[in-house]
Amino acid sequence: MQKYSKNKIWFLGRGFEEYILMFDLDISNLSNCRILDCNAGSSSFTTHMNQKGFDVIAADICYGKDPEEMEKISEKDFFTLMNAHKNLQDKVEWVFFKNHKDMVNYRIKVYHDFLEHYKKVKKEFYVESKLPKLPFLDDSFHLVLSSHLLFLYDDRLDYDFHFNSINEMLRVSSKEVRIYPLVSLRSHYKSKFVGQLINDLSSEYQVKVQKVNYHFRQGAYEMLCIQKNPKHEDKCRLVSRDIIKVEGK
């Protein structure tokens, strides 16, 4: 069994259904929205959203690699984390997933869906980038999503990285940035950076902590929502729904 490295930032992807709940998304409100999934890893959100006709781009430092190398990275990270997870089951809640086996099967499907899409349309939908810099123009997207990077790895990514990364995501967004989760990797409490970032951003943006209907990691029941005052109105309606129903995994 491979050892879990405390300095590694993992490439494990989350699934489309998880994104809907983690970010409190209402698909019916996104048909006129351009979305960036920032530091997306091997997630299947971009895969399924594009297949459904939505305008979504994924960005990650690993997307410069060819599909064969990407497959090796995805599988290595997946199996390392699944092995490590066997010793962390007391830190999760079996709500979204029924049990460990259900989680493993779901995550295998997620990275297989991602790899299939990546092989076919890599240049069109998957952009190599590394926070805190993004290769996009100002206001390129209505909504920017960031999953399982900021706050989670606050033991190896300092406050300046968090602050600069969020400001960069706000630069390329015309409306809103959503970040999940707010807890640290080794804790079920909010990251030490959450409160400070809210204070530092609130003078310029509308910043709120919002509960979400996704339960897996203990304490990870909230996202950070940062809203800009749009320069002009358009047809993109970023309205969250109070109760979310997601079709079976």
C-alpha atoms as a PDB file:
ATOM      1  CA  MET A   1       0.000   0.000   0.000  1.00  0.00           C
ATOM      2  CA  GLN A   2       1.283   3.438  -0.873  1.00  0.00           C
ATOM      3  CA  LYS A   3       1.649   5.955   1.932  1.00  0.00           C
ATOM      4  CA  TYR A   4      -0.410   9.101   2.029  1.00  0.00           C
ATOM      5  CA  SER A   5       1.882  12.097   1.534  1.00  0.00           C
ATOM      6  CA  LYS A   6       0.968  15.126   3.634  1.00  0.00           C
ATOM      7  CA  ASN A   7       2.520  17.446   1.029  1.00  0.00           C
ATOM      8  CA  LYS A   8       0.636  16.050  -1.947  1.00  0.00           C
ATOM      9  CA  ILE A   9      -2.372  17.822  -3.450  1.00  0.00           C
ATOM     10  CA  TRP A  10      -4.466  15.038  -4.901  1.00  0.00           C
ATOM     11  CA  PHE A  11      -5.966  14.783  -8.362  1.00  0.00           C
ATOM     12  CA  LEU A  12      -9.075  12.924  -7.224  1.00  0.00           C
ATOM     13  CA  GLY A  13     -12.170  14.113  -9.059  1.00  0.00           C
ATOM     14  CA  ARG A  14     -15.719  14.556  -7.814  1.00  0.00           C
ATOM     15  CA  GLY A  15     -18.780  13.579  -9.788  1.00  0.00           C
ATOM     16  CA  PHE A  16     -21.427  15.592 -11.580  1.00  0.00           C
ATOM     17  CA  GLU A  17     -24.083  14.776  -8.968  1.00  0.00           C
ATOM     18  CA  GLU A  18     -21.734  15.834  -6.182  1.00  0.00           C
ATOM     19  CA  TYR A  19     -21.156  19.202  -7.851  1.00  0.00           C
ATOM     20  CA  ILE A  20     -24.893  19.876  -8.005  1.00  0.00           C
ATOM     21  CA  LEU A  21     -25.111  19.444  -4.240  1.00  0.00           C
ATOM     22  CA  MET A  22     -21.722  20.857  -3.197  1.00  0.00           C
ATOM     23  CA  PHE A  23     -22.365  24.123  -5.030  1.00  0.00           C
ATOM     24  CA  ASP A  24     -26.150  24.290  -4.615  1.00  0.00           C
ATOM     25  CA  LEU A  25     -26.667  24.467  -8.374  1.00  0.00           C
ATOM     26  CA  ASP A  26     -29.997  24.622 -10.149  1.00  0.00           C
ATOM     27  CA  ILE A  27     -29.354  23.297 -13.655  1.00  0.00           C
ATOM     28  CA  SER A  28     -32.442  25.039 -15.034  1.00  0.00           C
ATOM     29  CA  ASN A  29     -30.817  28.409 -14.259  1.00  0.00           C
ATOM     30  CA  LEU A  30     -27.528  27.708 -16.044  1.00  0.00           C
ATOM     31  CA  SER A  31     -28.520  27.417 -19.705  1.00  0.00           C
ATOM     32  CA  ASN A  32     -27.239  30.924 -20.484  1.00  0.00           C
ATOM     33  CA  CYS A  33     -24.226  30.802 -18.181  1.00  0.00           C
ATOM     34  CA  ARG A  34     -20.563  30.258 -18.967  1.00  0.00           C
ATOM     35  CA  ILE A  35     -18.906  28.295 -16.150  1.00  0.00           C
ATOM     36  CA  LEU A  36     -15.303  27.605 -15.137  1.00  0.00           C
ATOM     37  CA  ASP A  37     -14.425  24.616 -12.963  1.00  0.00           C
ATOM     38  CA  CYS A  38     -11.137  25.732 -11.454  1.00  0.00           C
ATOM     39  CA  ASN A  39      -8.628  23.131 -10.347  1.00  0.00           C
ATOM     40  CA  ALA A  40     -11.048  20.499 -11.568  1.00  0.00           C
ATOM     41  CA  GLY A  41      -8.767  17.470 -11.538  1.00  0.00           C
ATOM     42  CA  SER A  42     -10.412  14.309 -12.843  1.00  0.00           C
ATOM     43  CA  SER A  43     -13.935  15.512 -12.062  1.00  0.00           C
ATOM     44  CA  SER A  44     -16.808  14.602 -14.357  1.00  0.00           C
ATOM     45  CA  PHE A  45     -18.757  17.859 -13.980  1.00  0.00           C
ATOM     46  CA  THR A  46     -17.395  19.396 -17.197  1.00  0.00           C
ATOM     47  CA  THR A  47     -17.880  16.060 -18.959  1.00  0.00           C
ATOM     48  CA  HIS A  48     -21.576  15.735 -18.175  1.00  0.00           C
ATOM     49  CA  MET A  49     -22.397  19.439 -18.429  1.00  0.00           C
ATOM     50  CA  ASN A  50     -20.978  19.650 -21.941  1.00  0.00           C
ATOM     51  CA  GLN A  51     -22.790  16.480 -22.929  1.00  0.00           C
ATOM     52  CA  LYS A  52     -25.998  18.141 -21.743  1.00  0.00           C
ATOM     53  CA  GLY A  53     -25.267  21.227 -23.858  1.00  0.00           C
ATOM     54  CA  PHE A  54     -23.972  23.617 -21.162  1.00  0.00           C
ATOM     55  CA  ASP A  55     -20.979  25.919 -21.599  1.00  0.00           C
ATOM     56  CA  VAL A  56     -18.365  24.690 -19.103  1.00  0.00           C
ATOM     57  CA  ILE A  57     -14.559  24.818 -19.171  1.00  0.00           C
ATOM     58  CA  ALA A  58     -12.251  22.991 -16.747  1.00  0.00           C
ATOM     59  CA  ALA A  59      -8.835  24.275 -15.649  1.00  0.00           C
ATOM     60  CA  ASP A  60      -6.054  22.396 -13.865  1.00  0.00           C
ATOM     61  CA  ILE A  61      -2.266  22.244 -13.800  1.00  0.00           C
ATOM     62  CA  CYS A  62      -2.365  18.596 -14.961  1.00  0.00           C
ATOM     63  CA  TYR A  63      -4.195  19.262 -18.217  1.00  0.00           C
ATOM     64  CA  GLY A  64      -0.962  19.816 -20.090  1.00  0.00           C
ATOM     65  CA  LYS A  65      -0.371  16.071 -20.017  1.00  0.00           C
ATOM     66  CA  ASP A  66      -1.380  13.677 -22.773  1.00  0.00           C
ATOM     67  CA  PRO A  67      -4.329  11.320 -22.158  1.00  0.00           C
ATOM     68  CA  GLU A  68      -2.152   8.271 -21.464  1.00  0.00           C
ATOM     69  CA  GLU A  69      -0.165  10.037 -18.745  1.00  0.00           C
ATOM     70  CA  MET A  70      -3.351  11.562 -17.365  1.00  0.00           C
ATOM     71  CA  GLU A  71      -4.840   8.096 -17.025  1.00  0.00           C
ATOM     72  CA  LYS A  72      -1.825   6.923 -14.997  1.00  0.00           C
ATOM     73  CA  ILE A  73      -2.058   9.953 -12.694  1.00  0.00           C
ATOM     74  CA  SER A  74      -5.805   9.494 -12.179  1.00  0.00           C
ATOM     75  CA  GLU A  75      -5.516   5.814 -11.342  1.00  0.00           C
ATOM     76  CA  LYS A  76      -2.505   6.249  -9.047  1.00  0.00           C
ATOM     77  CA  ASP A  77      -4.120   9.039  -7.036  1.00  0.00           C
ATOM     78  CA  PHE A  78      -7.422   7.200  -6.908  1.00  0.00           C
ATOM     79  CA  PHE A  79      -6.103   3.942  -5.504  1.00  0.00           C
ATOM     80  CA  THR A  80      -3.727   5.678  -3.077  1.00  0.00           C
ATOM     81  CA  LEU A  81      -6.568   7.734  -1.627  1.00  0.00           C
ATOM     82  CA  MET A  82      -9.024   4.843  -1.502  1.00  0.00           C
ATOM     83  CA  ASN A  83      -6.485   2.834   0.496  1.00  0.00           C
ATOM     84  CA  ALA A  84      -5.846   5.765   2.813  1.00  0.00           C
ATOM     85  CA  HIS A  85      -9.584   6.295   3.226  1.00  0.00           C
ATOM     86  CA  LYS A  86     -10.002   2.878   4.851  1.00  0.00           C
ATOM     87  CA  ASN A  87      -8.421   4.342   7.967  1.00  0.00           C
ATOM     88  CA  LEU A  88     -10.534   7.519   7.895  1.00  0.00           C
ATOM     89  CA  GLN A  89     -14.059   6.147   7.789  1.00  0.00           C
ATOM     90  CA  ASP A  90     -14.851   7.589  11.214  1.00  0.00           C
ATOM     91  CA  LYS A  91     -14.437  11.063   9.656  1.00  0.00           C
ATOM     92  CA  VAL A  92     -17.164  10.637   7.018  1.00  0.00           C
ATOM     93  CA  GLU A  93     -20.941  10.339   6.956  1.00  0.00           C
ATOM     94  CA  TRP A  94     -22.630   7.798   4.710  1.00  0.00           C
ATOM     95  CA  VAL A  95     -25.321  10.046   3.297  1.00  0.00           C
ATOM     96  CA  PHE A  96     -24.449  10.773  -0.335  1.00  0.00           C
ATOM     97  CA  PHE A  97     -22.736   7.379  -0.499  1.00  0.00           C
ATOM     98  CA  LYS A  98     -24.265   4.278   1.059  1.00  0.00           C
ATOM     99  CA  ASN A  99     -20.941   2.819   2.174  1.00  0.00           C
ATOM    100  CA  HIS A 100     -17.255   2.534   1.231  1.00  0.00           C
ATOM    101  CA  LYS A 101     -17.965   0.165  -1.680  1.00  0.00           C
ATOM    102  CA  ASP A 102     -20.568   2.530  -3.112  1.00  0.00           C
ATOM    103  CA  MET A 103     -18.075   5.413  -2.911  1.00  0.00           C
ATOM    104  CA  VAL A 104     -15.318   3.422  -4.648  1.00  0.00           C
ATOM    105  CA  ASN A 105     -17.609   2.343  -7.499  1.00  0.00           C
ATOM    106  CA  TYR A 106     -18.895   5.884  -7.973  1.00  0.00           C
ATOM    107  CA  ARG A 107     -15.415   7.437  -8.033  1.00  0.00           C
ATOM    108  CA  ILE A 108     -14.172   4.847 -10.517  1.00  0.00           C
ATOM    109  CA  LYS A 109     -17.006   5.821 -12.842  1.00  0.00           C
ATOM    110  CA  VAL A 110     -16.204   9.507 -12.313  1.00  0.00           C
ATOM    111  CA  TYR A 111     -12.598   9.308 -13.439  1.00  0.00           C
ATOM    112  CA  HIS A 112     -13.444   6.910 -16.278  1.00  0.00           C
ATOM    113  CA  ASP A 113     -16.060   9.391 -17.567  1.00  0.00           C
ATOM    114  CA  PHE A 114     -13.516  12.199 -17.259  1.00  0.00           C
ATOM    115  CA  LEU A 115     -10.775  10.287 -19.084  1.00  0.00           C
ATOM    116  CA  GLU A 116     -13.064   9.352 -21.958  1.00  0.00           C
ATOM    117  CA  HIS A 117     -14.082  12.982 -22.447  1.00  0.00           C
ATOM    118  CA  TYR A 118     -10.528  14.291 -21.955  1.00  0.00           C
ATOM    119  CA  LYS A 119      -9.200  11.982 -24.668  1.00  0.00           C
ATOM    120  CA  LYS A 120     -11.798  13.217 -27.156  1.00  0.00           C
ATOM    121  CA  VAL A 121     -11.931  16.968 -26.500  1.00  0.00           C
ATOM    122  CA  LYS A 122      -8.886  17.879 -24.410  1.00  0.00           C
ATOM    123  CA  LYS A 123      -7.977  21.048 -26.330  1.00  0.00           C
ATOM    124  CA  GLU A 124     -11.532  22.361 -26.409  1.00  0.00           C
ATOM    125  CA  PHE A 125     -12.669  22.004 -22.797  1.00  0.00           C
ATOM    126  CA  TYR A 126      -9.592  21.341 -20.606  1.00  0.00           C
ATOM    127  CA  VAL A 127      -7.140  24.198 -20.073  1.00  0.00           C
ATOM    128  CA  GLU A 128      -3.773  23.881 -18.366  1.00  0.00           C
ATOM    129  CA  SER A 129      -3.423  26.496 -15.620  1.00  0.00           C
ATOM    130  CA  LYS A 130      -1.996  26.959 -12.159  1.00  0.00           C
ATOM    131  CA  LEU A 131      -3.504  29.156  -9.483  1.00  0.00           C
ATOM    132  CA  PRO A 132      -3.097  31.940  -8.534  1.00  0.00           C
ATOM    133  CA  LYS A 133      -2.914  32.792 -12.266  1.00  0.00           C
ATOM    134  CA  LEU A 134      -5.532  31.896 -14.863  1.00  0.00           C
ATOM    135  CA  PRO A 135      -5.097  32.244 -18.648  1.00  0.00           C
ATOM    136  CA  PHE A 136      -8.465  33.942 -19.220  1.00  0.00           C
ATOM    137  CA  LEU A 137      -9.592  37.497 -19.863  1.00  0.00           C
ATOM    138  CA  ASP A 138     -11.502  39.539 -17.301  1.00  0.00           C
ATOM    139  CA  ASP A 139     -15.177  38.540 -16.920  1.00  0.00           C
ATOM    140  CA  SER A 140     -14.760  35.489 -19.155  1.00  0.00           C
ATOM    141  CA  PHE A 141     -17.197  33.409 -17.083  1.00  0.00           C
ATOM    142  CA  HIS A 142     -20.388  34.072 -15.188  1.00  0.00           C
ATOM    143  CA  LEU A 143     -19.687  31.488 -12.499  1.00  0.00           C
ATOM    144  CA  VAL A 144     -16.392  30.040 -11.227  1.00  0.00           C
ATOM    145  CA  LEU A 145     -16.434  26.888  -9.094  1.00  0.00           C
ATOM    146  CA  SER A 146     -13.514  25.635  -7.019  1.00  0.00           C
ATOM    147  CA  SER A 147     -13.673  22.258  -5.310  1.00  0.00           C
ATOM    148  CA  HIS A 148     -11.338  20.564  -2.813  1.00  0.00           C
ATOM    149  CA  LEU A 149      -8.308  22.816  -3.065  1.00  0.00           C
ATOM    150  CA  LEU A 150      -8.742  26.078  -1.156  1.00  0.00           C
ATOM    151  CA  PHE A 151      -9.206  25.735   2.622  1.00  0.00           C
ATOM    152  CA  LEU A 152      -8.856  21.950   2.438  1.00  0.00           C
ATOM    153  CA  TYR A 153      -5.074  22.211   2.031  1.00  0.00           C
ATOM    154  CA  ASP A 154      -4.487  25.146   4.366  1.00  0.00           C
ATOM    155  CA  ASP A 155      -1.541  23.286   5.913  1.00  0.00           C
ATOM    156  CA  ARG A 156       0.457  23.604   2.689  1.00  0.00           C
ATOM    157  CA  LEU A 157      -1.146  26.543   0.840  1.00  0.00           C
ATOM    158  CA  ASP A 158      -0.718  29.783   2.790  1.00  0.00           C
ATOM    159  CA  TYR A 159      -3.107  32.701   3.219  1.00  0.00           C
ATOM    160  CA  ASP A 160      -1.573  34.726   0.386  1.00  0.00           C
ATOM    161  CA  PHE A 161      -2.183  31.831  -1.988  1.00  0.00           C
ATOM    162  CA  HIS A 162      -5.824  31.666  -0.921  1.00  0.00           C
ATOM    163  CA  PHE A 163      -6.349  35.424  -1.164  1.00  0.00           C
ATOM    164  CA  ASN A 164      -4.610  35.765  -4.542  1.00  0.00           C
ATOM    165  CA  SER A 165      -6.346  32.704  -5.987  1.00  0.00           C
ATOM    166  CA  ILE A 166      -9.797  33.925  -5.003  1.00  0.00           C
ATOM    167  CA  ASN A 167      -9.107  37.381  -6.421  1.00  0.00           C
ATOM    168  CA  GLU A 168      -7.954  35.782  -9.658  1.00  0.00           C
ATOM    169  CA  MET A 169     -11.144  33.736  -9.877  1.00  0.00           C
ATOM    170  CA  LEU A 170     -13.131  36.892  -9.221  1.00  0.00           C
ATOM    171  CA  ARG A 171     -11.220  38.651 -12.008  1.00  0.00           C
ATOM    172  CA  VAL A 172     -12.312  36.088 -14.609  1.00  0.00           C
ATOM    173  CA  SER A 173     -15.872  35.934 -13.253  1.00  0.00           C
ATOM    174  CA  SER A 174     -18.512  38.530 -14.065  1.00  0.00           C
ATOM    175  CA  LYS A 175     -20.917  37.383 -11.344  1.00  0.00           C
ATOM    176  CA  GLU A 176     -19.951  34.817  -8.767  1.00  0.00           C
ATOM    177  CA  VAL A 177     -17.355  32.457  -7.262  1.00  0.00           C
ATOM    178  CA  ARG A 178     -18.305  29.433  -5.185  1.00  0.00           C
ATOM    179  CA  ILE A 179     -15.806  27.425  -3.111  1.00  0.00           C
ATOM    180  CA  TYR A 180     -16.300  24.062  -1.376  1.00  0.00           C
ATOM    181  CA  PRO A 181     -15.474  22.756   1.219  1.00  0.00           C
ATOM    182  CA  LEU A 182     -14.531  25.179   3.985  1.00  0.00           C
ATOM    183  CA  VAL A 183     -12.950  22.605   6.312  1.00  0.00           C
ATOM    184  CA  SER A 184      -9.307  21.599   6.583  1.00  0.00           C
ATOM    185  CA  LEU A 185      -8.152  18.189   5.408  1.00  0.00           C
ATOM    186  CA  ARG A 186      -7.362  16.875   8.876  1.00  0.00           C
ATOM    187  CA  SER A 187     -10.264  18.520  10.686  1.00  0.00           C
ATOM    188  CA  HIS A 188     -14.049  18.843  10.594  1.00  0.00           C
ATOM    189  CA  TYR A 189     -13.775  22.516  11.569  1.00  0.00           C
ATOM    190  CA  LYS A 190     -13.636  25.506   9.232  1.00  0.00           C
ATOM    191  CA  SER A 191     -10.221  26.443   7.925  1.00  0.00           C
ATOM    192  CA  LYS A 192      -8.371  29.142   9.828  1.00  0.00           C
ATOM    193  CA  PHE A 193      -8.459  31.269   6.652  1.00  0.00           C
ATOM    194  CA  VAL A 194     -12.254  31.464   6.196  1.00  0.00           C
ATOM    195  CA  GLY A 195     -12.959  34.280   8.626  1.00  0.00           C
ATOM    196  CA  GLN A 196      -9.990  36.362   7.536  1.00  0.00           C
ATOM    197  CA  LEU A 197     -10.906  36.056   3.874  1.00  0.00           C
ATOM    198  CA  ILE A 198     -14.493  37.084   4.554  1.00  0.00           C
ATOM    199  CA  ASN A 199     -13.217  40.188   6.340  1.00  0.00           C
ATOM    200  CA  ASP A 200     -10.735  41.042   3.598  1.00  0.00           C
ATOM    201  CA  LEU A 201     -13.216  40.558   0.733  1.00  0.00           C
ATOM    202  CA  SER A 202     -16.424  41.983   2.224  1.00  0.00           C
ATOM    203  CA  SER A 203     -15.566  45.622   1.527  1.00  0.00           C
ATOM    204  CA  GLU A 204     -15.690  44.969  -2.216  1.00  0.00           C
ATOM    205  CA  TYR A 205     -17.912  41.918  -2.664  1.00  0.00           C
ATOM    206  CA  GLN A 206     -20.959  40.251  -1.175  1.00  0.00           C
ATOM    207  CA  VAL A 207     -19.521  37.313   0.750  1.00  0.00           C
ATOM    208  CA  LYS A 208     -21.565  34.676   2.554  1.00  0.00           C
ATOM    209  CA  VAL A 209     -21.227  31.186   3.945  1.00  0.00           C
ATOM    210  CA  GLN A 210     -24.085  29.102   2.583  1.00  0.00           C
ATOM    211  CA  LYS A 211     -25.265  25.672   3.702  1.00  0.00           C
ATOM    212  CA  VAL A 212     -25.387  22.960   1.044  1.00  0.00           C
ATOM    213  CA  ASN A 213     -27.206  19.658   0.837  1.00  0.00           C
ATOM    214  CA  TYR A 214     -24.091  17.501   0.443  1.00  0.00           C
ATOM    215  CA  HIS A 215     -22.904  15.318   3.320  1.00  0.00           C
ATOM    216  CA  PHE A 216     -19.783  13.200   3.190  1.00  0.00           C
ATOM    217  CA  ARG A 217     -16.816  14.704   5.047  1.00  0.00           C
ATOM    218  CA  GLN A 218     -17.796  15.577   8.610  1.00  0.00           C
ATOM    219  CA  GLY A 219     -18.309  19.314   9.069  1.00  0.00           C
ATOM    220  CA  ALA A 220     -18.223  20.023   5.324  1.00  0.00           C
ATOM    221  CA  TYR A 221     -21.779  21.289   4.990  1.00  0.00           C
ATOM    222  CA  GLU A 222     -21.099  24.788   3.644  1.00  0.00           C
ATOM    223  CA  MET A 223     -19.669  26.644   0.671  1.00  0.00           C
ATOM    224  CA  LEU A 224     -18.298  30.165   0.381  1.00  0.00           C
ATOM    225  CA  CYS A 225     -20.258  32.284  -2.081  1.00  0.00           C
ATOM    226  CA  ILE A 226     -18.636  35.513  -3.328  1.00  0.00           C
ATOM    227  CA  GLN A 227     -20.822  37.723  -5.513  1.00  0.00           C
ATOM    228  CA  LYS A 228     -19.834  40.654  -7.689  1.00  0.00           C
ATOM    229  CA  ASN A 229     -22.021  43.516  -8.798  1.00  0.00           C
ATOM    230  CA  PRO A 230     -22.438  42.710 -12.510  1.00  0.00           C
ATOM    231  CA  LYS A 231     -21.529  45.452 -14.957  1.00  0.00           C
ATOM    232  CA  HIS A 232     -24.570  44.641 -17.079  1.00  0.00           C
ATOM    233  CA  GLU A 233     -27.568  42.340 -16.953  1.00  0.00           C
ATOM    234  CA  ASP A 234     -27.770  39.218 -19.089  1.00  0.00           C
ATOM    235  CA  LYS A 235     -29.701  35.957 -19.256  1.00  0.00           C
ATOM    236  CA  CYS A 236     -27.515  34.026 -16.822  1.00  0.00           C
ATOM    237  CA  ARG A 237     -29.545  33.493 -13.636  1.00  0.00           C
ATOM    238  CA  LEU A 238     -27.399  32.178 -10.781  1.00  0.00           C
ATOM    239  CA  VAL A 239     -30.228  31.347  -8.432  1.00  0.00           C
ATOM    240  CA  SER A 240     -29.734  28.550  -5.903  1.00  0.00           C
ATOM    241  CA  ARG A 241     -32.649  26.326  -5.034  1.00  0.00           C
ATOM    242  CA  ASP A 242     -33.686  25.710  -1.445  1.00  0.00           C
ATOM    243  CA  ILE A 243     -34.304  21.991  -1.853  1.00  0.00           C
ATOM    244  CA  ILE A 244     -32.300  19.996  -4.360  1.00  0.00           C
ATOM    245  CA  LYS A 245     -33.353  16.663  -5.816  1.00  0.00           C
ATOM    246  CA  VAL A 246     -30.649  14.764  -7.656  1.00  0.00           C
ATOM    247  CA  GLU A 247     -31.317  11.699  -9.763  1.00  0.00           C
ATOM    248  CA  GLY A 248     -29.678   8.461  -8.655  1.00  0.00           C
ATOM    249  CA  LYS A 249     -25.960   8.078  -9.042  1.00  0.00           C
END
